[in-house]
Structures are given as C-alpha cells and as structure tokens.
Amino acid sequence: MKIKSLLTAVFLFTGVSIIAGQTGFYDFKVKTLDGETFDFASLKGKKVMIVNTASKCGFTPQYEQLQDIYEKYGKDHFVIIGFPANNFMNQEPGTAEEIREFCDVNYGVTFPMMAKISVKGDDQHPLYQWLTNKEKNGVSDSEVKWNFQKYLISADGKLEKVIPSKTRPDDPEIIAWIKD
C-alpha cells in the first residue's frame, strides 16, 4: 500500500496523468464514422485541428472552409478531425451513415470524420475530457460552448489553442498557426 501511495505522489508531483490510462494526446484511439479504429499515434508530427460538428447548426457551413483548408494544407503536416456531436439543441441527430452522406453530398468532406460522441456532460468522451481539463492536458481548462469549436494541437501532441465556434476555420490566425 505504501508503494502505491508513493507512486501516486510521484505522478501527481510530476504532473503525469494516469487517469483512465490516458497520458497524452497520442494515446487515444477512437472509432471512425465507418466503424474503423483510428489511432491518434498515427498523428505524431502533424498539427491537428479537432472540431465538434453538427449538420443542422448555423455554423454547419464551416464544413466548406474546413474542407478548403484541409485540401490546401492537409495530409503530411496538418489534419482536421471532425467529431459529430448532438450536445447542442439536437443539431446532430443522424446515424453514422446519415452523417457521412450529408458530409459527402453537401461539402465533399475528405478529412477524417469520427463516430458521433458526446463533447460535454456526464457522458463526455475521454478525448474531450482531455481537451477541456488542465489536469489532463497540462495547458488549460475550457468548456465546449457550441458546435464547431476548434482545438488546435501542436505537432508534438500539446494543446495550443481553443478557437470559438464563431471563428471561421479559414481565419488568418488559424492559417498562420497551420503554416508556422
């Protein structure tokens, strides 16, 4: 019992998170809209924009800007990952198949889209627990306030910025971050 207490104290002192086995951004594995496993370890060395999406929201047209910047800057050093979520006024009620079809037909989305998750509340997905909790991400606390909120992750897996929903994905600040 003393060893366990000592180890816990060491982890707390060094700031290492051992909650739910997650220690960092690259430890996450999630499901895609197609049900495949997506391993965040495959993102090492890339800047990542995580965005919670919805198909019946006033910000839904941001899919167009997201796709545009993914086509222009994506692939080798930058990736966008969309997470459909139904946390705000039932604005993403669809199934995985319906979400995929909506994204394909209306916006030609080619960036990775993950399975629908919860981005806040009691059933908040562990990734969003990491993104919104300073004790887990080591940078800052935040709250997901609406659909299309953006989290910018550095090429070494550190949370760098939280961008509000109203800020377009092609905002000069975001483009400068991608290019830097």
C-alpha atoms as a PDB file:
ATOM      1  CA  MET A   1       0.000   0.000   0.000  1.00  0.00           C
ATOM      2  CA  LYS A   2       2.868   2.393   0.757  1.00  0.00           C
ATOM      3  CA  ILE A   3       4.349   1.816  -2.721  1.00  0.00           C
ATOM      4  CA  LYS A   4       1.025   2.690  -4.373  1.00  0.00           C
ATOM      5  CA  SER A   5       0.799   5.910  -2.313  1.00  0.00           C
ATOM      6  CA  LEU A   6       4.386   6.806  -3.181  1.00  0.00           C
ATOM      7  CA  LEU A   7       3.790   6.211  -6.902  1.00  0.00           C
ATOM      8  CA  THR A   8       0.623   8.299  -6.798  1.00  0.00           C
ATOM      9  CA  ALA A   9       2.550  11.127  -5.121  1.00  0.00           C
ATOM     10  CA  VAL A  10       5.313  10.916  -7.748  1.00  0.00           C
ATOM     11  CA  PHE A  11       2.786  11.057 -10.600  1.00  0.00           C
ATOM     12  CA  LEU A  12       0.974  13.992  -9.019  1.00  0.00           C
ATOM     13  CA  PHE A  13       4.233  15.855  -8.394  1.00  0.00           C
ATOM     14  CA  THR A  14       5.473  15.371 -11.953  1.00  0.00           C
ATOM     15  CA  GLY A  15       2.121  16.298 -13.483  1.00  0.00           C
ATOM     16  CA  VAL A  16       1.699  12.955 -15.238  1.00  0.00           C
ATOM     17  CA  SER A  17      -1.919  11.951 -15.632  1.00  0.00           C
ATOM     18  CA  ILE A  18      -2.727   8.298 -15.027  1.00  0.00           C
ATOM     19  CA  ILE A  19      -6.497   8.684 -15.086  1.00  0.00           C
ATOM     20  CA  ALA A  20      -8.212   6.054 -17.251  1.00  0.00           C
ATOM     21  CA  GLY A  21      -4.871   5.008 -18.732  1.00  0.00           C
ATOM     22  CA  GLN A  22      -4.645   8.180 -20.841  1.00  0.00           C
ATOM     23  CA  THR A  23      -1.375  10.059 -20.567  1.00  0.00           C
ATOM     24  CA  GLY A  24      -1.413  12.170 -23.680  1.00  0.00           C
ATOM     25  CA  PHE A  25      -2.994  13.070 -26.980  1.00  0.00           C
ATOM     26  CA  TYR A  26      -1.332  10.217 -28.867  1.00  0.00           C
ATOM     27  CA  ASP A  27      -2.754   7.582 -26.505  1.00  0.00           C
ATOM     28  CA  PHE A  28      -6.306   7.957 -27.789  1.00  0.00           C
ATOM     29  CA  LYS A  29      -8.000   5.517 -30.121  1.00  0.00           C
ATOM     30  CA  VAL A  30     -11.444   6.364 -31.471  1.00  0.00           C
ATOM     31  CA  LYS A  31     -13.901   4.943 -33.983  1.00  0.00           C
ATOM     32  CA  THR A  32     -14.441   6.487 -37.399  1.00  0.00           C
ATOM     33  CA  LEU A  33     -17.875   7.007 -38.942  1.00  0.00           C
ATOM     34  CA  ASP A  34     -17.211   3.731 -40.766  1.00  0.00           C
ATOM     35  CA  GLY A  35     -16.551   1.856 -37.503  1.00  0.00           C
ATOM     36  CA  GLU A  36     -12.788   1.505 -38.014  1.00  0.00           C
ATOM     37  CA  THR A  37     -10.301   2.205 -35.226  1.00  0.00           C
ATOM     38  CA  PHE A  38      -8.374   5.463 -35.633  1.00  0.00           C
ATOM     39  CA  ASP A  39      -5.177   5.582 -33.568  1.00  0.00           C
ATOM     40  CA  PHE A  40      -4.017   9.079 -32.633  1.00  0.00           C
ATOM     41  CA  ALA A  41      -0.434   7.760 -32.514  1.00  0.00           C
ATOM     42  CA  SER A  42      -0.607   7.989 -36.330  1.00  0.00           C
ATOM     43  CA  LEU A  43      -0.808  11.794 -35.948  1.00  0.00           C
ATOM     44  CA  LYS A  44       2.661  12.245 -34.434  1.00  0.00           C
ATOM     45  CA  GLY A  45       4.486  15.068 -36.189  1.00  0.00           C
ATOM     46  CA  LYS A  46       1.291  16.667 -37.530  1.00  0.00           C
ATOM     47  CA  LYS A  47      -0.634  19.699 -36.356  1.00  0.00           C
ATOM     48  CA  VAL A  48      -4.226  18.699 -35.647  1.00  0.00           C
ATOM     49  CA  MET A  49      -7.483  20.620 -35.523  1.00  0.00           C
ATOM     50  CA  ILE A  50     -10.190  18.812 -33.562  1.00  0.00           C
ATOM     51  CA  VAL A  51     -13.682  20.167 -34.238  1.00  0.00           C
ATOM     52  CA  ASN A  52     -17.085  19.055 -32.957  1.00  0.00           C
ATOM     53  CA  THR A  53     -19.520  19.129 -35.865  1.00  0.00           C
ATOM     54  CA  ALA A  54     -23.265  19.133 -36.461  1.00  0.00           C
ATOM     55  CA  SER A  55     -25.327  19.089 -39.652  1.00  0.00           C
ATOM     56  CA  LYS A  56     -28.257  21.232 -38.512  1.00  0.00           C
ATOM     57  CA  CYS A  57     -26.418  24.202 -36.992  1.00  0.00           C
ATOM     58  CA  GLY A  58     -25.971  27.812 -38.044  1.00  0.00           C
ATOM     59  CA  PHE A  59     -22.227  27.060 -38.176  1.00  0.00           C
ATOM     60  CA  THR A  60     -22.642  23.978 -40.416  1.00  0.00           C
ATOM     61  CA  PRO A  61     -21.392  25.921 -43.483  1.00  0.00           C
ATOM     62  CA  GLN A  62     -17.977  25.885 -41.770  1.00  0.00           C
ATOM     63  CA  TYR A  63     -17.637  22.390 -43.248  1.00  0.00           C
ATOM     64  CA  GLU A  64     -16.836  24.193 -46.515  1.00  0.00           C
ATOM     65  CA  GLN A  65     -13.940  26.170 -45.008  1.00  0.00           C
ATOM     66  CA  LEU A  66     -12.722  23.101 -43.124  1.00  0.00           C
ATOM     67  CA  GLN A  67     -12.610  21.127 -46.373  1.00  0.00           C
ATOM     68  CA  ASP A  68     -10.904  24.006 -48.211  1.00  0.00           C
ATOM     69  CA  ILE A  69      -8.080  24.335 -45.679  1.00  0.00           C
ATOM     70  CA  TYR A  70      -7.716  20.553 -45.487  1.00  0.00           C
ATOM     71  CA  GLU A  71      -7.277  20.399 -49.262  1.00  0.00           C
ATOM     72  CA  LYS A  72      -4.801  23.273 -49.204  1.00  0.00           C
ATOM     73  CA  TYR A  73      -2.730  22.423 -46.100  1.00  0.00           C
ATOM     74  CA  GLY A  74      -3.697  18.906 -45.094  1.00  0.00           C
ATOM     75  CA  LYS A  75      -2.154  15.486 -45.457  1.00  0.00           C
ATOM     76  CA  ASP A  76       1.548  15.411 -44.423  1.00  0.00           C
ATOM     77  CA  HIS A  77       1.825  18.066 -41.700  1.00  0.00           C
ATOM     78  CA  PHE A  78      -1.745  19.049 -40.828  1.00  0.00           C
ATOM     79  CA  VAL A  79      -5.007  17.176 -40.346  1.00  0.00           C
ATOM     80  CA  ILE A  80      -8.553  18.072 -39.346  1.00  0.00           C
ATOM     81  CA  ILE A  81     -10.575  15.555 -37.377  1.00  0.00           C
ATOM     82  CA  GLY A  82     -14.333  16.025 -37.130  1.00  0.00           C
ATOM     83  CA  PHE A  83     -16.352  14.664 -34.235  1.00  0.00           C
ATOM     84  CA  PRO A  84     -20.107  14.795 -34.798  1.00  0.00           C
ATOM     85  CA  ALA A  85     -21.871  15.567 -31.538  1.00  0.00           C
ATOM     86  CA  ASN A  86     -25.513  16.015 -30.603  1.00  0.00           C
ATOM     87  CA  ASN A  87     -24.954  18.036 -27.421  1.00  0.00           C
ATOM     88  CA  PHE A  88     -26.491  21.305 -28.571  1.00  0.00           C
ATOM     89  CA  MET A  89     -30.217  21.531 -29.344  1.00  0.00           C
ATOM     90  CA  ASN A  90     -30.331  18.144 -31.113  1.00  0.00           C
ATOM     91  CA  GLN A  91     -28.403  19.565 -34.097  1.00  0.00           C
ATOM     92  CA  GLU A  92     -26.704  16.258 -34.993  1.00  0.00           C
ATOM     93  CA  PRO A  93     -29.452  13.628 -34.711  1.00  0.00           C
ATOM     94  CA  GLY A  94     -28.261  11.457 -37.616  1.00  0.00           C
ATOM     95  CA  THR A  95     -26.761   7.988 -37.731  1.00  0.00           C
ATOM     96  CA  ALA A  96     -23.186   7.446 -38.890  1.00  0.00           C
ATOM     97  CA  GLU A  97     -24.452   6.673 -42.387  1.00  0.00           C
ATOM     98  CA  GLU A  98     -26.616   9.812 -42.496  1.00  0.00           C
ATOM     99  CA  ILE A  99     -23.758  11.988 -41.248  1.00  0.00           C
ATOM    100  CA  ARG A 100     -21.348  10.516 -43.819  1.00  0.00           C
ATOM    101  CA  GLU A 101     -23.870  11.078 -46.634  1.00  0.00           C
ATOM    102  CA  PHE A 102     -24.568  14.656 -45.500  1.00  0.00           C
ATOM    103  CA  CYS A 103     -20.848  15.479 -45.394  1.00  0.00           C
ATOM    104  CA  ASP A 104     -20.154  13.858 -48.767  1.00  0.00           C
ATOM    105  CA  VAL A 105     -23.123  15.268 -50.686  1.00  0.00           C
ATOM    106  CA  ASN A 106     -23.149  18.797 -49.254  1.00  0.00           C
ATOM    107  CA  TYR A 107     -19.469  19.542 -48.617  1.00  0.00           C
ATOM    108  CA  GLY A 108     -17.340  16.808 -50.200  1.00  0.00           C
ATOM    109  CA  VAL A 109     -15.649  16.186 -46.856  1.00  0.00           C
ATOM    110  CA  THR A 110     -12.445  14.145 -47.163  1.00  0.00           C
ATOM    111  CA  PHE A 111     -10.860  14.895 -43.782  1.00  0.00           C
ATOM    112  CA  PRO A 112     -11.290  12.152 -41.158  1.00  0.00           C
ATOM    113  CA  MET A 113     -14.726  12.059 -39.551  1.00  0.00           C
ATOM    114  CA  MET A 114     -15.149  10.060 -36.369  1.00  0.00           C
ATOM    115  CA  ALA A 115     -18.158   8.352 -34.847  1.00  0.00           C
ATOM    116  CA  LYS A 116     -20.644  10.579 -33.022  1.00  0.00           C
ATOM    117  CA  ILE A 117     -19.638  11.282 -29.429  1.00  0.00           C
ATOM    118  CA  SER A 118     -20.633  13.493 -26.509  1.00  0.00           C
ATOM    119  CA  VAL A 119     -18.393  16.533 -26.058  1.00  0.00           C
ATOM    120  CA  LYS A 120     -19.767  17.646 -22.685  1.00  0.00           C
ATOM    121  CA  GLY A 121     -21.802  16.434 -19.740  1.00  0.00           C
ATOM    122  CA  ASP A 122     -21.753  13.216 -17.746  1.00  0.00           C
ATOM    123  CA  ASP A 123     -21.106  11.102 -20.840  1.00  0.00           C
ATOM    124  CA  GLN A 124     -18.310  13.320 -22.208  1.00  0.00           C
ATOM    125  CA  HIS A 125     -15.904  11.324 -24.375  1.00  0.00           C
ATOM    126  CA  PRO A 126     -12.420  10.798 -22.807  1.00  0.00           C
ATOM    127  CA  LEU A 127     -10.774  12.806 -25.631  1.00  0.00           C
ATOM    128  CA  TYR A 128     -12.919  15.817 -24.779  1.00  0.00           C
ATOM    129  CA  GLN A 129     -12.205  15.266 -21.090  1.00  0.00           C
ATOM    130  CA  TRP A 130      -8.520  15.617 -22.039  1.00  0.00           C
ATOM    131  CA  LEU A 131      -9.134  18.649 -24.268  1.00  0.00           C
ATOM    132  CA  THR A 132     -11.148  20.525 -21.629  1.00  0.00           C
ATOM    133  CA  ASN A 133      -9.316  19.642 -18.414  1.00  0.00           C
ATOM    134  CA  LYS A 134      -5.997  21.282 -17.474  1.00  0.00           C
ATOM    135  CA  GLU A 135      -5.154  18.421 -15.113  1.00  0.00           C
ATOM    136  CA  LYS A 136      -5.205  16.106 -18.124  1.00  0.00           C
ATOM    137  CA  ASN A 137      -3.893  18.285 -20.974  1.00  0.00           C
ATOM    138  CA  GLY A 138      -1.405  20.275 -18.880  1.00  0.00           C
ATOM    139  CA  VAL A 139      -2.343  23.582 -20.525  1.00  0.00           C
ATOM    140  CA  SER A 140      -5.799  24.946 -19.752  1.00  0.00           C
ATOM    141  CA  ASP A 141      -9.383  24.280 -18.789  1.00  0.00           C
ATOM    142  CA  SER A 142     -12.104  25.027 -21.311  1.00  0.00           C
ATOM    143  CA  GLU A 143     -15.746  24.332 -21.919  1.00  0.00           C
ATOM    144  CA  VAL A 144     -17.250  23.240 -25.218  1.00  0.00           C
ATOM    145  CA  LYS A 145     -19.776  26.020 -25.710  1.00  0.00           C
ATOM    146  CA  TRP A 146     -21.277  25.095 -29.091  1.00  0.00           C
ATOM    147  CA  ASN A 147     -20.836  23.146 -32.311  1.00  0.00           C
ATOM    148  CA  PHE A 148     -17.730  23.844 -34.417  1.00  0.00           C
ATOM    149  CA  GLN A 149     -15.489  24.797 -31.505  1.00  0.00           C
ATOM    150  CA  LYS A 150     -11.912  24.091 -32.552  1.00  0.00           C
ATOM    151  CA  TYR A 151      -8.975  22.686 -30.579  1.00  0.00           C
ATOM    152  CA  LEU A 152      -5.529  23.181 -32.078  1.00  0.00           C
ATOM    153  CA  ILE A 153      -2.935  20.540 -31.200  1.00  0.00           C
ATOM    154  CA  SER A 154       0.780  21.023 -31.892  1.00  0.00           C
ATOM    155  CA  ALA A 155       2.890  18.586 -33.911  1.00  0.00           C
ATOM    156  CA  ASP A 156       4.169  17.171 -30.618  1.00  0.00           C
ATOM    157  CA  GLY A 157       0.684  16.485 -29.219  1.00  0.00           C
ATOM    158  CA  LYS A 158       0.223  19.509 -26.954  1.00  0.00           C
ATOM    159  CA  LEU A 159      -2.958  21.538 -26.730  1.00  0.00           C
ATOM    160  CA  GLU A 160      -2.124  25.001 -28.071  1.00  0.00           C
ATOM    161  CA  LYS A 161      -5.371  26.921 -28.567  1.00  0.00           C
ATOM    162  CA  VAL A 162      -9.107  26.746 -28.236  1.00  0.00           C
ATOM    163  CA  ILE A 163     -10.928  28.594 -31.007  1.00  0.00           C
ATOM    164  CA  PRO A 164     -14.591  29.580 -30.550  1.00  0.00           C
ATOM    165  CA  SER A 165     -17.326  28.357 -32.865  1.00  0.00           C
ATOM    166  CA  LYS A 166     -17.950  31.750 -34.425  1.00  0.00           C
ATOM    167  CA  THR A 167     -14.348  31.947 -35.690  1.00  0.00           C
ATOM    168  CA  ARG A 168     -14.201  30.571 -39.217  1.00  0.00           C
ATOM    169  CA  PRO A 169     -11.729  27.747 -39.868  1.00  0.00           C
ATOM    170  CA  ASP A 170     -10.006  29.887 -42.505  1.00  0.00           C
ATOM    171  CA  ASP A 171      -9.461  32.793 -40.097  1.00  0.00           C
ATOM    172  CA  PRO A 172      -5.981  34.361 -40.578  1.00  0.00           C
ATOM    173  CA  GLU A 173      -4.963  33.366 -37.020  1.00  0.00           C
ATOM    174  CA  ILE A 174      -5.685  29.692 -37.762  1.00  0.00           C
ATOM    175  CA  ILE A 175      -3.996  29.786 -41.169  1.00  0.00           C
ATOM    176  CA  ALA A 176      -0.909  31.390 -39.603  1.00  0.00           C
ATOM    177  CA  TRP A 177      -0.862  28.630 -36.955  1.00  0.00           C
ATOM    178  CA  ILE A 178      -1.093  25.916 -39.635  1.00  0.00           C
ATOM    179  CA  LYS A 179       1.706  27.464 -41.714  1.00  0.00           C
ATOM    180  CA  ASP A 180       4.023  28.235 -38.768  1.00  0.00           C
END
